[in-house]
N, C-alpha and C. Protein backbone atom coordinates (compact mmCIF):
# COMPACT_ATOMS: atom_id res chain seq x y z
N UNK A 1 48.01 29.67 -28.41
CA UNK A 1 47.40 30.35 -29.55
C UNK A 1 46.84 31.69 -29.09
N UNK A 2 46.97 32.70 -29.90
CA UNK A 2 46.53 34.04 -29.56
C UNK A 2 45.06 34.23 -29.93
N UNK A 3 44.49 35.27 -29.37
CA UNK A 3 43.13 35.64 -29.74
C UNK A 3 43.11 36.25 -31.14
N UNK A 4 41.90 36.51 -31.63
CA UNK A 4 41.73 37.03 -32.98
C UNK A 4 40.87 38.29 -32.94
N UNK A 5 41.30 39.32 -33.66
CA UNK A 5 40.48 40.51 -33.83
C UNK A 5 39.66 40.32 -35.10
N UNK A 6 38.36 40.53 -35.02
CA UNK A 6 37.48 40.42 -36.18
C UNK A 6 36.87 41.78 -36.47
N UNK A 7 37.05 42.28 -37.68
CA UNK A 7 36.41 43.52 -38.13
C UNK A 7 35.04 43.16 -38.70
N UNK A 8 34.03 43.96 -38.38
CA UNK A 8 32.71 43.73 -38.96
C UNK A 8 31.93 45.04 -39.00
N UNK A 9 30.83 45.03 -39.73
CA UNK A 9 29.94 46.19 -39.82
C UNK A 9 28.68 45.83 -39.06
N UNK A 10 28.28 46.70 -38.12
CA UNK A 10 27.11 46.41 -37.31
C UNK A 10 25.82 46.85 -38.00
N UNK A 11 24.69 46.71 -37.33
CA UNK A 11 23.38 47.04 -37.90
C UNK A 11 23.23 48.52 -38.22
N UNK A 12 24.02 49.38 -37.54
CA UNK A 12 23.95 50.82 -37.79
C UNK A 12 24.97 51.27 -38.83
N UNK A 13 25.57 50.34 -39.57
CA UNK A 13 26.57 50.61 -40.60
C UNK A 13 27.84 51.24 -40.04
N UNK A 14 28.18 50.93 -38.78
CA UNK A 14 29.43 51.37 -38.18
C UNK A 14 30.42 50.21 -38.20
N UNK A 15 31.69 50.54 -38.35
CA UNK A 15 32.73 49.52 -38.29
C UNK A 15 33.04 49.25 -36.83
N UNK A 16 33.14 48.00 -36.49
CA UNK A 16 33.49 47.57 -35.13
C UNK A 16 34.48 46.43 -35.23
N UNK A 17 35.11 46.11 -34.09
CA UNK A 17 35.91 44.89 -34.03
C UNK A 17 35.59 44.19 -32.73
N UNK A 18 35.79 42.89 -32.74
CA UNK A 18 35.62 42.11 -31.52
C UNK A 18 36.87 41.26 -31.33
N UNK A 19 37.18 40.99 -30.10
CA UNK A 19 38.31 40.13 -29.76
C UNK A 19 37.76 38.78 -29.35
N UNK A 20 38.19 37.74 -30.06
CA UNK A 20 37.76 36.38 -29.77
C UNK A 20 38.90 35.59 -29.17
N UNK A 21 38.59 34.79 -28.15
CA UNK A 21 39.56 33.89 -27.54
C UNK A 21 39.80 32.72 -28.49
N UNK A 22 40.86 31.96 -28.27
CA UNK A 22 41.11 30.80 -29.13
C UNK A 22 39.94 29.80 -29.17
N UNK A 23 39.15 29.74 -28.10
CA UNK A 23 38.02 28.81 -28.09
C UNK A 23 36.77 29.39 -28.75
N UNK A 24 36.87 30.63 -29.28
CA UNK A 24 35.75 31.25 -29.99
C UNK A 24 34.90 32.18 -29.15
N UNK A 25 35.14 32.25 -27.86
CA UNK A 25 34.36 33.13 -26.98
C UNK A 25 34.70 34.59 -27.29
N UNK A 26 33.68 35.45 -27.31
CA UNK A 26 33.88 36.88 -27.52
C UNK A 26 34.31 37.51 -26.20
N UNK A 27 35.50 38.12 -26.18
CA UNK A 27 36.03 38.73 -24.97
C UNK A 27 35.73 40.22 -24.89
N UNK A 28 35.69 40.89 -26.04
CA UNK A 28 35.45 42.34 -26.05
C UNK A 28 34.88 42.74 -27.40
N UNK A 29 34.05 43.80 -27.37
CA UNK A 29 33.51 44.38 -28.59
C UNK A 29 33.78 45.88 -28.52
N UNK A 30 34.24 46.44 -29.61
CA UNK A 30 34.62 47.86 -29.64
C UNK A 30 33.42 48.77 -29.78
N UNK A 31 33.70 50.04 -29.68
CA UNK A 31 32.70 51.07 -30.02
C UNK A 31 32.58 51.12 -31.55
N UNK A 32 31.63 51.85 -32.04
CA UNK A 32 31.49 52.01 -33.49
C UNK A 32 32.47 53.02 -34.04
N UNK A 33 33.04 52.72 -35.21
CA UNK A 33 33.97 53.62 -35.88
C UNK A 33 33.37 54.05 -37.22
N UNK A 34 33.73 55.24 -37.68
CA UNK A 34 33.17 55.78 -38.93
C UNK A 34 33.69 55.06 -40.17
N UNK A 35 34.95 54.59 -40.13
CA UNK A 35 35.51 53.92 -41.30
C UNK A 35 36.47 52.81 -40.86
N UNK A 36 36.87 52.00 -41.82
CA UNK A 36 37.73 50.84 -41.52
C UNK A 36 39.10 51.25 -40.99
N UNK A 37 39.78 52.27 -41.56
CA UNK A 37 41.08 52.66 -41.00
C UNK A 37 41.00 53.09 -39.53
N UNK A 38 39.91 53.73 -39.15
CA UNK A 38 39.76 54.12 -37.74
C UNK A 38 39.60 52.89 -36.86
N UNK A 39 38.87 51.88 -37.34
CA UNK A 39 38.71 50.64 -36.57
C UNK A 39 40.04 49.91 -36.44
N UNK A 40 40.84 49.88 -37.51
CA UNK A 40 42.16 49.25 -37.46
C UNK A 40 43.07 50.01 -36.48
N UNK A 41 42.97 51.33 -36.47
CA UNK A 41 43.73 52.13 -35.49
C UNK A 41 43.28 51.79 -34.07
N UNK A 42 42.00 51.52 -33.88
CA UNK A 42 41.50 51.10 -32.57
C UNK A 42 42.10 49.78 -32.14
N UNK A 43 42.23 48.83 -33.07
CA UNK A 43 42.86 47.54 -32.76
C UNK A 43 44.31 47.77 -32.36
N UNK A 44 45.01 48.63 -33.09
CA UNK A 44 46.40 48.94 -32.76
C UNK A 44 46.52 49.52 -31.36
N UNK A 45 45.60 50.41 -30.99
CA UNK A 45 45.62 51.00 -29.66
C UNK A 45 45.36 49.94 -28.59
N UNK A 46 44.42 49.04 -28.83
CA UNK A 46 44.15 47.98 -27.85
C UNK A 46 45.38 47.11 -27.68
N UNK A 47 46.03 46.75 -28.76
CA UNK A 47 47.24 45.93 -28.67
C UNK A 47 48.33 46.64 -27.86
N UNK A 48 48.45 47.94 -28.06
CA UNK A 48 49.49 48.70 -27.36
C UNK A 48 49.17 48.88 -25.88
N UNK A 49 47.94 49.23 -25.56
CA UNK A 49 47.61 49.60 -24.18
C UNK A 49 47.24 48.42 -23.30
N UNK A 50 46.73 47.34 -23.86
CA UNK A 50 46.22 46.25 -23.03
C UNK A 50 47.27 45.22 -22.66
N UNK A 51 48.43 45.26 -23.27
CA UNK A 51 49.44 44.24 -23.00
C UNK A 51 49.73 44.03 -21.54
N UNK A 52 50.07 45.05 -20.83
CA UNK A 52 50.33 44.96 -19.40
C UNK A 52 49.54 46.04 -18.67
N UNK A 53 48.33 46.30 -19.14
CA UNK A 53 47.50 47.33 -18.54
C UNK A 53 47.18 47.05 -17.09
N UNK A 54 47.11 48.09 -16.31
CA UNK A 54 46.76 47.96 -14.91
C UNK A 54 45.26 47.72 -14.77
N UNK A 55 44.86 47.15 -13.67
CA UNK A 55 43.45 46.90 -13.39
C UNK A 55 42.97 47.97 -12.41
N UNK A 56 41.92 48.68 -12.78
CA UNK A 56 41.30 49.64 -11.88
C UNK A 56 39.97 49.05 -11.41
N UNK A 57 39.89 48.72 -10.15
CA UNK A 57 38.69 48.12 -9.58
C UNK A 57 37.73 49.24 -9.19
N UNK A 58 36.66 49.42 -9.97
CA UNK A 58 35.67 50.46 -9.72
C UNK A 58 34.41 49.88 -9.09
N UNK A 59 34.47 48.62 -8.70
CA UNK A 59 33.30 47.97 -8.09
C UNK A 59 33.11 48.48 -6.66
N UNK A 60 31.85 48.65 -6.25
CA UNK A 60 31.62 49.07 -4.87
C UNK A 60 31.98 47.94 -3.91
N UNK A 61 32.42 48.31 -2.73
CA UNK A 61 32.73 47.32 -1.71
C UNK A 61 31.44 46.69 -1.21
N UNK A 62 31.41 45.38 -1.03
CA UNK A 62 30.19 44.77 -0.51
C UNK A 62 29.98 45.18 0.95
N UNK A 63 28.72 45.29 1.36
CA UNK A 63 28.47 45.67 2.75
C UNK A 63 28.98 44.59 3.70
N UNK A 64 29.55 45.03 4.80
CA UNK A 64 30.09 44.11 5.79
C UNK A 64 29.06 43.90 6.87
N UNK A 65 28.72 42.65 7.08
CA UNK A 65 27.76 42.30 8.12
C UNK A 65 28.52 41.64 9.26
N UNK A 66 28.55 42.25 10.44
CA UNK A 66 29.33 41.66 11.54
C UNK A 66 28.73 40.35 12.04
N UNK A 67 27.44 40.11 11.81
CA UNK A 67 26.81 38.90 12.32
C UNK A 67 27.13 37.68 11.46
N UNK A 68 27.30 37.88 10.16
CA UNK A 68 27.53 36.74 9.27
C UNK A 68 29.02 36.59 8.98
N UNK A 69 29.59 35.43 9.30
CA UNK A 69 31.01 35.23 8.98
C UNK A 69 31.19 35.04 7.48
N UNK A 70 32.31 35.53 6.98
CA UNK A 70 32.60 35.40 5.55
C UNK A 70 33.01 33.97 5.25
N UNK A 71 32.47 33.39 4.18
CA UNK A 71 32.90 32.03 3.82
C UNK A 71 34.32 32.05 3.28
N UNK A 72 35.06 30.99 3.56
CA UNK A 72 36.43 30.88 3.06
C UNK A 72 36.39 30.44 1.61
N UNK A 73 36.96 31.24 0.74
CA UNK A 73 37.00 30.88 -0.67
C UNK A 73 38.33 30.25 -1.04
N UNK A 74 39.28 30.30 -0.11
CA UNK A 74 40.59 29.71 -0.37
C UNK A 74 40.76 28.49 0.51
N UNK A 75 41.59 27.56 0.10
CA UNK A 75 41.82 26.38 0.94
C UNK A 75 42.52 26.76 2.24
N UNK A 76 42.44 25.90 3.21
CA UNK A 76 43.09 26.14 4.49
C UNK A 76 44.59 26.28 4.26
N UNK A 77 45.19 27.35 4.80
CA UNK A 77 46.61 27.57 4.55
C UNK A 77 47.47 26.49 5.19
N UNK A 78 48.54 26.14 4.48
CA UNK A 78 49.50 25.17 4.98
C UNK A 78 50.54 25.95 5.78
N UNK A 79 50.82 25.53 7.02
CA UNK A 79 51.81 26.27 7.83
C UNK A 79 53.16 26.34 7.13
N UNK A 80 53.73 27.52 7.10
CA UNK A 80 55.04 27.73 6.51
C UNK A 80 55.05 27.94 5.00
N UNK A 81 53.87 27.92 4.34
CA UNK A 81 53.79 28.10 2.90
C UNK A 81 52.97 29.35 2.61
N UNK A 82 53.59 30.32 1.96
CA UNK A 82 52.91 31.57 1.60
C UNK A 82 52.52 31.49 0.13
N UNK A 83 51.22 31.43 -0.17
CA UNK A 83 50.76 31.26 -1.55
C UNK A 83 50.41 32.59 -2.21
N UNK A 84 50.59 33.71 -1.52
CA UNK A 84 50.31 34.99 -2.14
C UNK A 84 51.37 35.28 -3.18
N UNK A 85 50.97 35.96 -4.26
CA UNK A 85 51.89 36.32 -5.33
C UNK A 85 51.98 37.84 -5.36
N UNK A 86 53.17 38.34 -5.21
CA UNK A 86 53.39 39.79 -5.25
C UNK A 86 53.23 40.27 -6.68
N UNK A 87 52.69 41.49 -6.86
CA UNK A 87 52.45 41.99 -8.21
C UNK A 87 53.75 42.12 -9.01
N UNK A 88 54.86 42.37 -8.35
CA UNK A 88 56.13 42.44 -9.06
C UNK A 88 56.52 41.06 -9.59
N UNK A 89 56.19 40.01 -8.84
CA UNK A 89 56.46 38.65 -9.30
C UNK A 89 55.68 38.37 -10.58
N UNK A 90 54.44 38.87 -10.66
CA UNK A 90 53.65 38.69 -11.88
C UNK A 90 54.30 39.41 -13.06
N UNK A 91 54.84 40.59 -12.80
CA UNK A 91 55.52 41.32 -13.87
C UNK A 91 56.76 40.56 -14.35
N UNK A 92 57.50 39.97 -13.40
CA UNK A 92 58.69 39.20 -13.76
C UNK A 92 58.30 37.99 -14.60
N UNK A 93 57.23 37.30 -14.21
CA UNK A 93 56.78 36.15 -14.97
C UNK A 93 56.32 36.56 -16.37
N UNK A 94 55.60 37.68 -16.47
CA UNK A 94 55.13 38.14 -17.78
C UNK A 94 56.31 38.53 -18.65
N UNK A 95 57.32 39.17 -18.08
CA UNK A 95 58.50 39.55 -18.84
C UNK A 95 59.21 38.30 -19.37
N UNK A 96 59.28 37.25 -18.56
CA UNK A 96 59.92 36.01 -18.99
C UNK A 96 59.14 35.38 -20.14
N UNK A 97 57.83 35.49 -20.13
CA UNK A 97 57.03 34.94 -21.22
C UNK A 97 57.22 35.72 -22.51
N UNK A 98 57.44 37.03 -22.40
CA UNK A 98 57.63 37.86 -23.59
C UNK A 98 59.05 37.75 -24.14
N UNK A 99 59.98 37.26 -23.33
CA UNK A 99 61.38 37.16 -23.74
C UNK A 99 61.51 36.14 -24.88
N UNK A 100 62.33 36.43 -25.89
CA UNK A 100 62.49 35.49 -27.00
C UNK A 100 63.05 34.15 -26.51
N UNK A 101 62.61 33.06 -27.11
CA UNK A 101 63.02 31.73 -26.68
C UNK A 101 64.44 31.38 -27.10
N UNK A 102 65.03 32.13 -28.04
CA UNK A 102 66.35 31.78 -28.55
C UNK A 102 67.48 32.36 -27.74
N UNK A 103 67.19 33.02 -26.64
CA UNK A 103 68.24 33.47 -25.73
C UNK A 103 68.54 34.94 -25.84
N UNK A 104 69.22 35.48 -24.82
CA UNK A 104 69.54 36.91 -24.80
C UNK A 104 70.61 37.26 -25.83
N UNK A 105 70.53 38.46 -26.33
CA UNK A 105 71.53 38.96 -27.24
C UNK A 105 71.31 38.60 -28.69
N UNK A 106 70.30 37.78 -28.97
CA UNK A 106 70.07 37.35 -30.34
C UNK A 106 68.92 38.12 -30.99
N UNK A 107 68.38 39.10 -30.29
CA UNK A 107 67.26 39.86 -30.83
C UNK A 107 67.75 40.70 -32.01
N UNK A 108 67.09 40.62 -33.13
CA UNK A 108 67.44 41.41 -34.29
C UNK A 108 68.53 40.79 -35.15
N UNK A 109 69.08 39.67 -34.72
CA UNK A 109 70.11 39.00 -35.50
C UNK A 109 69.43 38.04 -36.46
N UNK A 110 69.78 38.06 -37.67
CA UNK A 110 69.12 37.10 -38.54
C UNK A 110 69.41 37.37 -39.92
C-alpha cells in the first residue's frame, strides 16, 4: 500500500501537505503555500523528484577516539559470504519493482 498525501490549512492560514505512511505515521510535512494549486504542484514535484532521489549525507562525522574501540553493529561476517549491496544493485532491484507485472512489451496495450 502506498503512502497518502494530505492537504490541510495550518494555523497561519497557509496550505500545506503531509505525507503519511500506510500505518498512519507522518513522514514529511511541506512548507506553507499561498493557495491550494501551489500545494498540489508541490505534491507533484515531490512525486517526481523523490522517486529515486539521491541521499546527501550532511551530518558531521563523529569524533574518532583511538582509545575506545567501535562497537560492532553488524553480525560477525560469515567466511566467503559478502553481504554488502552495491548501489547499482539497489537501482536494479528498484527498476524491477517498477516494471509492470504483465511482462515486457505490453506497456500501453489495452
